């Protein structure tokens, strides 16, 4: 029954197209957009920029006096989550760049206030953005050496995806911290 219905729809479409003088290519074109992202950077950077914007919005939403808030013993403070992202980006980027002594490794991360913390996070995101832009697509499928999770296969593209995933994980905790303080989290910017 389904096959017959599909046959009828396609037949009618072809008949209408023929009557209107259109070619079948024009009838069945789903998207004529020629700006479809072709490289990894073109696909990934918009998502990365939204992750940056949303993370910074979440960081801005928490009052500075609550940056040392720790909801329970043994968990990170609000600020420690943000600084952990900076350290994580610095460590993970080395799997792509091979550089273990970048400006990220030299950022002062002790005794920071809210503004300084946000600036460090901004610099970390910007550093990774530049690395994404300059990493050729033909290198992205190269397996990374000595990945810390020995049981996992990891290539350079996977490192960038891991950074975004790891950021999402910690930002989720930050959203909960905001709610625990009665602060309305910023609207999600994931797409």
N, C-alpha and C. Protein backbone atom coordinates (compact mmCIF):
# COMPACT_ATOMS: atom_id res chain seq x y z
N UNK A 1 0.83 -1.20 0.00
CA UNK A 1 0.00 0.00 0.00
C UNK A 1 0.87 1.26 0.00
N UNK A 2 1.91 1.28 0.87
CA UNK A 2 2.80 2.43 0.95
C UNK A 2 3.50 2.66 -0.39
N UNK A 3 3.97 1.57 -1.02
CA UNK A 3 4.68 1.67 -2.30
C UNK A 3 3.77 2.26 -3.37
N UNK A 4 2.52 1.83 -3.38
CA UNK A 4 1.58 2.35 -4.37
C UNK A 4 1.32 3.84 -4.15
N UNK A 5 1.19 4.24 -2.90
CA UNK A 5 0.95 5.66 -2.59
C UNK A 5 2.16 6.50 -3.01
N UNK A 6 3.33 6.01 -2.76
CA UNK A 6 4.55 6.72 -3.16
C UNK A 6 4.62 6.83 -4.68
N UNK A 7 4.26 5.73 -5.37
CA UNK A 7 4.23 5.73 -6.83
C UNK A 7 3.28 6.81 -7.34
N UNK A 8 2.10 6.93 -6.74
CA UNK A 8 1.12 7.93 -7.16
C UNK A 8 1.64 9.35 -6.94
N UNK A 9 2.24 9.59 -5.80
CA UNK A 9 2.77 10.93 -5.50
C UNK A 9 3.85 11.31 -6.50
N UNK A 10 4.77 10.41 -6.75
CA UNK A 10 5.84 10.69 -7.70
C UNK A 10 5.31 10.87 -9.12
N UNK A 11 4.36 10.06 -9.49
CA UNK A 11 3.77 10.17 -10.84
C UNK A 11 3.08 11.51 -11.01
N UNK A 12 2.30 11.91 -10.01
CA UNK A 12 1.60 13.19 -10.07
C UNK A 12 2.59 14.35 -10.11
N UNK A 13 3.64 14.25 -9.34
CA UNK A 13 4.66 15.29 -9.32
C UNK A 13 5.30 15.42 -10.69
N UNK A 14 5.62 14.30 -11.31
CA UNK A 14 6.24 14.32 -12.64
C UNK A 14 5.28 14.90 -13.67
N UNK A 15 4.01 14.55 -13.57
CA UNK A 15 3.01 15.06 -14.50
C UNK A 15 2.86 16.57 -14.35
N UNK A 16 2.77 17.05 -13.11
CA UNK A 16 2.63 18.49 -12.86
C UNK A 16 3.87 19.22 -13.36
N UNK A 17 5.04 18.68 -13.10
CA UNK A 17 6.28 19.31 -13.55
C UNK A 17 6.31 19.39 -15.07
N UNK A 18 5.88 18.32 -15.74
CA UNK A 18 5.88 18.29 -17.20
C UNK A 18 4.91 19.33 -17.75
N UNK A 19 3.73 19.43 -17.13
CA UNK A 19 2.72 20.39 -17.58
C UNK A 19 3.23 21.82 -17.40
N UNK A 20 3.96 22.07 -16.28
CA UNK A 20 4.46 23.41 -16.01
C UNK A 20 5.78 23.70 -16.74
N UNK A 21 6.31 22.73 -17.45
CA UNK A 21 7.52 22.93 -18.22
C UNK A 21 8.79 22.98 -17.38
N UNK A 22 8.76 22.41 -16.18
CA UNK A 22 9.94 22.40 -15.32
C UNK A 22 10.71 21.10 -15.52
N UNK A 23 12.02 21.19 -15.33
CA UNK A 23 12.81 19.96 -15.37
C UNK A 23 12.66 19.25 -14.04
N UNK A 24 12.86 17.94 -14.07
CA UNK A 24 12.73 17.16 -12.84
C UNK A 24 13.80 17.55 -11.82
N UNK A 25 14.98 18.02 -12.30
CA UNK A 25 16.01 18.45 -11.35
C UNK A 25 15.49 19.57 -10.46
N UNK A 26 14.74 20.50 -11.07
CA UNK A 26 14.21 21.63 -10.29
C UNK A 26 13.12 21.19 -9.32
N UNK A 27 12.34 20.21 -9.70
CA UNK A 27 11.24 19.76 -8.85
C UNK A 27 11.77 19.11 -7.58
N UNK A 28 12.84 18.32 -7.70
CA UNK A 28 13.31 17.55 -6.56
C UNK A 28 14.50 18.15 -5.84
N UNK A 29 14.86 19.40 -6.14
CA UNK A 29 15.96 20.04 -5.41
C UNK A 29 15.45 20.37 -4.01
N UNK A 30 16.15 19.86 -3.01
CA UNK A 30 15.77 20.09 -1.63
C UNK A 30 16.38 21.40 -1.14
N UNK A 31 17.63 21.65 -1.50
CA UNK A 31 18.33 22.82 -1.00
C UNK A 31 19.30 23.31 -2.07
N UNK A 32 19.06 24.51 -2.55
CA UNK A 32 19.96 25.08 -3.55
C UNK A 32 21.07 25.90 -2.90
N UNK A 33 21.16 25.88 -1.61
CA UNK A 33 22.17 26.65 -0.89
C UNK A 33 23.56 26.14 -1.25
N UNK A 34 24.35 27.01 -1.83
CA UNK A 34 25.72 26.62 -2.20
C UNK A 34 26.70 26.94 -1.07
N UNK A 35 26.20 27.49 0.02
CA UNK A 35 27.06 27.84 1.15
C UNK A 35 27.10 26.74 2.20
N UNK A 36 26.86 25.51 1.80
CA UNK A 36 26.91 24.39 2.73
C UNK A 36 28.35 24.22 3.18
N UNK A 37 28.60 24.16 4.49
CA UNK A 37 29.98 24.03 4.98
C UNK A 37 30.67 22.80 4.41
N UNK A 38 31.89 23.00 3.95
CA UNK A 38 32.62 21.91 3.32
C UNK A 38 33.78 21.41 4.18
N UNK A 39 34.35 22.27 4.97
CA UNK A 39 35.49 21.86 5.79
C UNK A 39 35.05 21.66 7.23
N UNK A 40 35.90 20.98 7.98
CA UNK A 40 35.60 20.79 9.40
C UNK A 40 35.46 22.14 10.09
N UNK A 41 36.38 23.07 9.81
CA UNK A 41 36.33 24.38 10.45
C UNK A 41 35.02 25.10 10.14
N UNK A 42 34.58 25.02 8.89
CA UNK A 42 33.32 25.67 8.52
C UNK A 42 32.13 25.06 9.26
N UNK A 43 32.18 23.76 9.51
CA UNK A 43 31.08 23.10 10.23
C UNK A 43 31.19 23.30 11.74
N UNK A 44 32.41 23.17 12.27
CA UNK A 44 32.59 23.12 13.72
C UNK A 44 32.65 24.51 14.37
N UNK A 45 33.28 25.48 13.69
CA UNK A 45 33.47 26.79 14.33
C UNK A 45 32.18 27.48 14.75
N UNK A 46 31.10 27.43 13.97
CA UNK A 46 29.87 28.06 14.48
C UNK A 46 29.39 27.44 15.79
N UNK A 47 29.50 26.11 15.92
CA UNK A 47 29.11 25.46 17.18
C UNK A 47 30.07 25.87 18.30
N UNK A 48 31.36 25.93 17.98
CA UNK A 48 32.37 26.31 18.98
C UNK A 48 32.13 27.75 19.45
N UNK A 49 31.80 28.63 18.54
CA UNK A 49 31.54 30.02 18.91
C UNK A 49 30.28 30.14 19.78
N UNK A 50 29.26 29.34 19.48
CA UNK A 50 28.07 29.35 20.33
C UNK A 50 28.39 28.79 21.71
N UNK A 51 29.24 27.76 21.77
CA UNK A 51 29.65 27.21 23.07
C UNK A 51 30.40 28.27 23.87
N UNK A 52 31.26 29.02 23.20
CA UNK A 52 32.00 30.11 23.86
C UNK A 52 31.03 31.16 24.40
N UNK A 53 30.13 31.61 23.53
CA UNK A 53 29.18 32.66 23.93
C UNK A 53 28.34 32.21 25.12
N UNK A 54 27.82 30.99 25.05
CA UNK A 54 26.97 30.50 26.13
C UNK A 54 27.77 30.32 27.42
N UNK A 55 28.97 29.79 27.32
CA UNK A 55 29.80 29.61 28.51
C UNK A 55 30.10 30.96 29.16
N UNK A 56 30.44 31.95 28.35
CA UNK A 56 30.73 33.28 28.90
C UNK A 56 29.47 33.93 29.48
N UNK A 57 28.32 33.70 28.85
CA UNK A 57 27.06 34.21 29.41
C UNK A 57 26.78 33.59 30.78
N UNK A 58 27.04 32.29 30.91
CA UNK A 58 26.85 31.60 32.19
C UNK A 58 27.83 32.18 33.22
N UNK A 59 29.08 32.38 32.81
CA UNK A 59 30.08 32.95 33.72
C UNK A 59 29.70 34.35 34.17
N UNK A 60 29.16 35.13 33.26
CA UNK A 60 28.72 36.51 33.59
C UNK A 60 27.54 36.51 34.54
N UNK A 61 26.66 35.51 34.42
CA UNK A 61 25.43 35.49 35.21
C UNK A 61 25.68 35.32 36.71
N UNK A 62 26.74 34.61 37.08
CA UNK A 62 27.00 34.38 38.51
C UNK A 62 27.64 35.62 39.12
N UNK A 63 27.09 36.11 40.22
CA UNK A 63 27.73 37.25 40.90
C UNK A 63 29.16 36.89 41.32
N UNK A 64 30.05 37.86 41.21
CA UNK A 64 31.47 37.64 41.52
C UNK A 64 31.71 37.09 42.92
N UNK A 65 30.90 37.52 43.87
CA UNK A 65 31.10 37.05 45.25
C UNK A 65 30.73 35.58 45.41
N UNK A 66 30.11 34.98 44.39
CA UNK A 66 29.74 33.56 44.46
C UNK A 66 30.69 32.67 43.63
N UNK A 67 31.74 33.23 43.09
CA UNK A 67 32.67 32.44 42.27
C UNK A 67 33.38 31.35 43.08
N UNK A 68 33.48 31.51 44.37
CA UNK A 68 34.11 30.49 45.21
C UNK A 68 33.09 29.55 45.85
N UNK A 69 31.85 29.64 45.37
CA UNK A 69 30.80 28.76 45.89
C UNK A 69 31.11 27.31 45.55
N UNK A 70 31.03 26.46 46.57
CA UNK A 70 31.23 25.02 46.45
C UNK A 70 30.03 24.35 47.11
N UNK A 71 29.15 23.70 46.34
CA UNK A 71 27.92 23.16 46.91
C UNK A 71 28.12 22.00 47.88
N UNK A 72 29.24 21.32 47.77
CA UNK A 72 29.52 20.19 48.67
C UNK A 72 31.03 19.97 48.71
N UNK A 73 31.47 19.36 49.79
CA UNK A 73 32.89 19.03 49.91
C UNK A 73 33.30 18.08 48.78
N UNK A 74 34.45 18.33 48.22
CA UNK A 74 34.97 17.43 47.19
C UNK A 74 34.56 17.77 45.76
N UNK A 75 33.80 18.83 45.56
CA UNK A 75 33.43 19.25 44.21
C UNK A 75 34.06 20.61 43.92
N UNK A 76 34.16 20.93 42.66
CA UNK A 76 34.77 22.19 42.25
C UNK A 76 33.89 23.38 42.61
N UNK A 77 34.54 24.50 42.83
CA UNK A 77 33.80 25.76 42.96
C UNK A 77 33.37 26.20 41.57
N UNK A 78 32.52 27.21 41.52
CA UNK A 78 32.09 27.77 40.25
C UNK A 78 33.32 28.19 39.44
N UNK A 79 34.20 28.93 40.07
CA UNK A 79 35.41 29.41 39.39
C UNK A 79 36.33 28.26 38.97
N UNK A 80 36.47 27.26 39.81
CA UNK A 80 37.33 26.12 39.47
C UNK A 80 36.84 25.39 38.22
N UNK A 81 35.53 25.31 38.03
CA UNK A 81 35.00 24.72 36.79
C UNK A 81 35.49 25.51 35.58
N UNK A 82 35.40 26.83 35.66
CA UNK A 82 35.82 27.67 34.53
C UNK A 82 37.32 27.56 34.28
N UNK A 83 38.11 27.59 35.33
CA UNK A 83 39.56 27.50 35.16
C UNK A 83 39.98 26.10 34.72
N UNK A 84 39.22 25.11 35.11
CA UNK A 84 39.49 23.75 34.64
C UNK A 84 39.36 23.68 33.12
N UNK A 85 38.39 24.40 32.56
CA UNK A 85 38.25 24.44 31.10
C UNK A 85 39.50 25.01 30.45
N UNK A 86 40.04 26.08 31.02
CA UNK A 86 41.26 26.69 30.47
C UNK A 86 42.39 25.67 30.48
N UNK A 87 42.57 25.00 31.60
CA UNK A 87 43.64 24.00 31.72
C UNK A 87 43.40 22.82 30.78
N UNK A 88 42.15 22.41 30.66
CA UNK A 88 41.80 21.29 29.78
C UNK A 88 42.07 21.64 28.32
N UNK A 89 41.67 22.84 27.90
CA UNK A 89 41.94 23.26 26.52
C UNK A 89 43.45 23.30 26.27
N UNK A 90 44.22 23.79 27.23
CA UNK A 90 45.68 23.85 27.08
C UNK A 90 46.26 22.45 26.92
N UNK A 91 45.80 21.52 27.71
CA UNK A 91 46.32 20.15 27.65
C UNK A 91 45.89 19.45 26.36
N UNK A 92 44.62 19.55 26.02
CA UNK A 92 44.11 18.82 24.85
C UNK A 92 44.62 19.39 23.53
N UNK A 93 44.80 20.70 23.45
CA UNK A 93 45.25 21.28 22.19
C UNK A 93 46.61 20.73 21.78
N UNK A 94 47.40 20.31 22.75
CA UNK A 94 48.74 19.78 22.46
C UNK A 94 48.68 18.52 21.61
N UNK A 95 47.58 17.76 21.71
CA UNK A 95 47.42 16.58 20.87
C UNK A 95 47.27 16.95 19.39
N UNK A 96 46.79 18.15 19.14
CA UNK A 96 46.61 18.62 17.77
C UNK A 96 47.85 19.39 17.30
N UNK A 97 48.30 20.33 18.12
CA UNK A 97 49.39 21.22 17.71
C UNK A 97 50.78 20.64 17.97
N UNK A 98 50.87 19.73 18.95
CA UNK A 98 52.17 19.22 19.36
C UNK A 98 52.90 20.17 20.29
N UNK A 99 52.28 21.30 20.60
CA UNK A 99 52.91 22.34 21.42
C UNK A 99 52.42 22.24 22.87
N UNK A 100 53.34 21.95 23.75
CA UNK A 100 52.99 21.84 25.18
C UNK A 100 53.45 23.06 25.98
N UNK A 101 53.77 24.13 25.26
CA UNK A 101 54.20 25.37 25.91
C UNK A 101 53.60 26.56 25.16
N UNK A 102 52.29 26.70 25.27
CA UNK A 102 51.57 27.76 24.56
C UNK A 102 51.27 28.91 25.51
N UNK A 103 50.77 30.02 25.00
CA UNK A 103 50.33 31.10 25.88
C UNK A 103 49.30 30.64 26.92
N UNK A 104 48.49 29.64 26.57
CA UNK A 104 47.51 29.13 27.54
C UNK A 104 48.21 28.53 28.76
N UNK A 105 49.36 27.93 28.54
CA UNK A 105 50.09 27.30 29.65
C UNK A 105 50.69 28.35 30.60
N UNK A 106 50.74 29.58 30.16
CA UNK A 106 51.36 30.64 30.98
C UNK A 106 50.36 31.66 31.52
N UNK A 107 49.09 31.39 31.32
CA UNK A 107 48.09 32.30 31.89
C UNK A 107 48.12 32.21 33.42
N UNK A 108 48.12 33.34 34.09
CA UNK A 108 48.02 33.29 35.56
C UNK A 108 46.60 32.87 35.94
N UNK A 109 46.50 31.79 36.69
CA UNK A 109 45.18 31.26 37.04
C UNK A 109 44.95 31.20 38.55
N UNK A 110 45.76 31.86 39.30
CA UNK A 110 45.61 31.89 40.77
C UNK A 110 45.06 33.23 41.22
N UNK A 111 44.21 33.20 42.23
CA UNK A 111 43.68 34.41 42.87
C UNK A 111 43.05 35.38 41.88
N UNK A 112 42.24 34.86 40.98
CA UNK A 112 41.60 35.70 39.98
C UNK A 112 40.23 36.16 40.47
N UNK A 113 39.84 37.36 40.05
CA UNK A 113 38.48 37.80 40.31
C UNK A 113 37.59 37.36 39.14
N UNK A 114 36.34 37.70 39.20
CA UNK A 114 35.39 37.28 38.15
C UNK A 114 35.85 37.76 36.78
N UNK A 115 36.19 39.02 36.65
CA UNK A 115 36.58 39.60 35.36
C UNK A 115 37.81 38.89 34.80
N UNK A 116 38.81 38.65 35.65
CA UNK A 116 40.04 37.98 35.21
C UNK A 116 39.78 36.53 34.81
N UNK A 117 38.88 35.89 35.53
CA UNK A 117 38.51 34.51 35.20
C UNK A 117 37.86 34.46 33.82
N UNK A 118 36.92 35.35 33.59
CA UNK A 118 36.24 35.40 32.29
C UNK A 118 37.22 35.71 31.17
N UNK A 119 38.19 36.57 31.42
CA UNK A 119 39.20 36.88 30.41
C UNK A 119 40.05 35.65 30.10
N UNK A 120 40.41 34.87 31.10
CA UNK A 120 41.19 33.64 30.87
C UNK A 120 40.39 32.64 30.04
N UNK A 121 39.11 32.48 30.35
CA UNK A 121 38.25 31.57 29.58
C UNK A 121 38.13 32.06 28.14
N UNK A 122 37.96 33.36 27.96
CA UNK A 122 37.87 33.95 26.61
C UNK A 122 39.15 33.65 25.82
N UNK A 123 40.30 33.87 26.44
CA UNK A 123 41.57 33.61 25.76
C UNK A 123 41.71 32.13 25.38
N UNK A 124 41.24 31.24 26.25
CA UNK A 124 41.33 29.82 25.96
C UNK A 124 40.46 29.46 24.76
N UNK A 125 39.23 29.95 24.73
CA UNK A 125 38.36 29.69 23.58
C UNK A 125 38.97 30.26 22.30
N UNK A 126 39.51 31.47 22.38
CA UNK A 126 40.09 32.11 21.20
C UNK A 126 41.31 31.35 20.70
N UNK A 127 42.11 30.83 21.61
CA UNK A 127 43.28 30.05 21.23
C UNK A 127 42.85 28.80 20.45
N UNK A 128 41.84 28.11 20.97
CA UNK A 128 41.35 26.91 20.29
C UNK A 128 40.72 27.27 18.95
N UNK A 129 40.01 28.39 18.88
CA UNK A 129 39.43 28.84 17.62
C UNK A 129 40.52 28.99 16.56
N UNK A 130 41.61 29.65 16.91
CA UNK A 130 42.72 29.84 15.96
C UNK A 130 43.31 28.50 15.54
N UNK A 131 43.40 27.56 16.46
CA UNK A 131 43.94 26.24 16.15
C UNK A 131 43.01 25.49 15.18
N UNK A 132 41.72 25.59 15.40
CA UNK A 132 40.75 24.96 14.49
C UNK A 132 40.92 25.56 13.09
N UNK A 133 41.04 26.87 13.02
CA UNK A 133 41.15 27.54 11.72
C UNK A 133 42.40 27.15 10.96
N UNK A 134 43.48 26.88 11.66
CA UNK A 134 44.73 26.60 10.96
C UNK A 134 45.05 25.11 10.81
N UNK A 135 44.21 24.24 11.36
CA UNK A 135 44.46 22.80 11.21
C UNK A 135 43.84 22.31 9.91
N UNK A 136 44.66 21.84 8.97
CA UNK A 136 44.11 21.38 7.69
C UNK A 136 43.24 20.14 7.86
N UNK A 137 42.21 20.07 7.04
CA UNK A 137 41.30 18.92 7.10
C UNK A 137 42.04 17.59 6.93
N UNK A 138 43.07 17.57 6.10
CA UNK A 138 43.76 16.30 5.85
C UNK A 138 44.54 15.81 7.07
N UNK A 139 44.68 16.64 8.10
CA UNK A 139 45.34 16.20 9.34
C UNK A 139 44.36 15.75 10.42
N UNK A 140 43.08 16.05 10.25
CA UNK A 140 42.11 15.81 11.31
C UNK A 140 41.89 14.34 11.64
N UNK A 141 42.10 13.47 10.69
CA UNK A 141 41.89 12.04 10.94
C UNK A 141 43.17 11.33 11.39
N UNK A 142 44.24 12.12 11.63
CA UNK A 142 45.47 11.53 12.15
C UNK A 142 45.27 11.12 13.60
N UNK A 143 45.62 9.88 13.89
CA UNK A 143 45.53 9.38 15.26
C UNK A 143 46.51 10.16 16.14
N UNK A 144 46.05 10.54 17.32
CA UNK A 144 46.94 11.25 18.23
C UNK A 144 47.77 10.24 19.02
N UNK A 145 48.99 10.62 19.29
CA UNK A 145 49.90 9.74 20.02
C UNK A 145 49.72 9.91 21.52
N UNK A 146 49.86 8.82 22.24
CA UNK A 146 49.87 8.83 23.71
C UNK A 146 48.64 9.48 24.33
N UNK A 147 47.47 9.24 23.72
CA UNK A 147 46.25 9.78 24.31
C UNK A 147 46.06 9.16 25.69
N UNK A 148 45.70 9.98 26.67
CA UNK A 148 45.65 9.52 28.06
C UNK A 148 44.67 8.38 28.30
N UNK A 149 43.60 8.34 27.53
CA UNK A 149 42.62 7.24 27.66
C UNK A 149 43.05 6.16 26.67
N UNK A 150 43.88 5.27 27.11
CA UNK A 150 44.50 4.27 26.24
C UNK A 150 43.48 3.40 25.51
N UNK A 151 42.33 3.17 26.12
CA UNK A 151 41.33 2.29 25.52
C UNK A 151 40.53 2.97 24.40
N UNK A 152 40.70 4.27 24.25
CA UNK A 152 39.93 5.01 23.25
C UNK A 152 40.79 5.38 22.04
N UNK A 153 40.24 5.19 20.85
CA UNK A 153 40.90 5.69 19.65
C UNK A 153 40.61 7.19 19.60
N UNK A 154 41.62 8.00 19.33
CA UNK A 154 41.39 9.43 19.26
C UNK A 154 42.20 10.02 18.12
N UNK A 155 41.50 10.79 17.26
CA UNK A 155 42.20 11.53 16.22
C UNK A 155 42.07 13.02 16.53
N UNK A 156 42.68 13.85 15.70
CA UNK A 156 42.70 15.29 15.99
C UNK A 156 41.30 15.90 15.97
N UNK A 157 40.47 15.47 15.04
CA UNK A 157 39.10 15.97 15.03
C UNK A 157 38.40 15.59 16.32
N UNK A 158 38.62 14.38 16.79
CA UNK A 158 38.03 13.93 18.04
C UNK A 158 38.46 14.78 19.22
N UNK A 159 39.69 15.30 19.18
CA UNK A 159 40.16 16.18 20.26
C UNK A 159 39.31 17.44 20.31
N UNK A 160 39.05 18.04 19.15
CA UNK A 160 38.20 19.24 19.14
C UNK A 160 36.79 18.92 19.64
N UNK A 161 36.27 17.78 19.23
CA UNK A 161 34.93 17.39 19.68
C UNK A 161 34.93 17.09 21.18
N UNK A 162 36.02 16.52 21.68
CA UNK A 162 36.15 16.26 23.11
C UNK A 162 36.17 17.56 23.90
N UNK A 163 36.87 18.56 23.39
CA UNK A 163 36.90 19.86 24.08
C UNK A 163 35.49 20.43 24.21
N UNK A 164 34.73 20.36 23.13
CA UNK A 164 33.36 20.89 23.18
C UNK A 164 32.50 20.08 24.15
N UNK A 165 32.64 18.76 24.10
CA UNK A 165 31.88 17.89 25.00
C UNK A 165 32.25 18.16 26.45
N UNK A 166 33.55 18.28 26.73
CA UNK A 166 34.02 18.52 28.09
C UNK A 166 33.51 19.87 28.60
N UNK A 167 33.51 20.85 27.72
CA UNK A 167 32.99 22.17 28.08
C UNK A 167 31.51 22.07 28.45
N UNK A 168 30.75 21.34 27.65
CA UNK A 168 29.32 21.17 27.92
C UNK A 168 29.09 20.52 29.28
N UNK A 169 29.90 19.53 29.59
CA UNK A 169 29.81 18.83 30.88
C UNK A 169 29.98 19.81 32.04
N UNK A 170 31.03 20.61 32.01
CA UNK A 170 31.28 21.54 33.13
C UNK A 170 30.30 22.71 33.13
N UNK A 171 29.90 23.16 31.97
CA UNK A 171 28.93 24.25 31.91
C UNK A 171 27.60 23.79 32.50
N UNK A 172 27.25 22.53 32.32
CA UNK A 172 26.03 22.00 32.92
C UNK A 172 26.06 22.13 34.43
N UNK A 173 27.21 21.84 35.03
CA UNK A 173 27.35 22.01 36.49
C UNK A 173 27.18 23.48 36.86
N UNK A 174 27.74 24.38 36.05
CA UNK A 174 27.64 25.81 36.34
C UNK A 174 26.19 26.29 36.30
N UNK A 175 25.42 25.74 35.38
CA UNK A 175 24.00 26.11 35.30
C UNK A 175 23.29 25.69 36.58
N UNK A 176 23.62 24.52 37.09
CA UNK A 176 23.02 24.08 38.36
C UNK A 176 23.44 25.01 39.49
N UNK A 177 24.70 25.41 39.53
CA UNK A 177 25.17 26.34 40.57
C UNK A 177 24.38 27.65 40.49
N UNK A 178 24.15 28.14 39.27
CA UNK A 178 23.35 29.36 39.13
C UNK A 178 21.97 29.17 39.75
N UNK A 179 21.33 28.07 39.41
CA UNK A 179 19.97 27.82 39.92
C UNK A 179 19.96 27.69 41.45
N UNK A 180 21.03 27.12 41.99
CA UNK A 180 21.12 26.98 43.45
C UNK A 180 21.20 28.34 44.13
N UNK A 181 21.60 29.36 43.38
CA UNK A 181 21.67 30.72 43.92
C UNK A 181 20.51 31.59 43.46
N UNK A 182 19.51 30.96 42.85
CA UNK A 182 18.34 31.70 42.41
C UNK A 182 18.60 32.57 41.19
N UNK A 183 19.67 32.29 40.47
CA UNK A 183 19.99 33.06 39.27
C UNK A 183 19.43 32.32 38.05
N UNK A 184 18.66 33.04 37.25
CA UNK A 184 18.11 32.46 36.03
C UNK A 184 19.25 32.27 35.02
N UNK A 185 19.52 31.04 34.60
CA UNK A 185 20.58 30.83 33.60
C UNK A 185 20.25 31.51 32.29
N UNK A 186 21.26 31.92 31.55
CA UNK A 186 21.02 32.49 30.23
C UNK A 186 20.36 31.46 29.32
N UNK A 187 19.67 31.95 28.33
CA UNK A 187 19.02 31.06 27.35
C UNK A 187 20.09 30.26 26.61
N UNK A 188 19.82 29.00 26.40
CA UNK A 188 20.76 28.09 25.73
C UNK A 188 21.04 28.53 24.30
N UNK A 189 22.29 28.43 23.89
CA UNK A 189 22.69 28.83 22.54
C UNK A 189 23.41 27.68 21.84
N UNK A 190 22.85 26.53 21.82
CA UNK A 190 23.53 25.36 21.29
C UNK A 190 23.41 25.15 19.80
N UNK A 191 22.52 25.84 19.14
CA UNK A 191 22.36 25.58 17.71
C UNK A 191 22.48 26.85 16.92
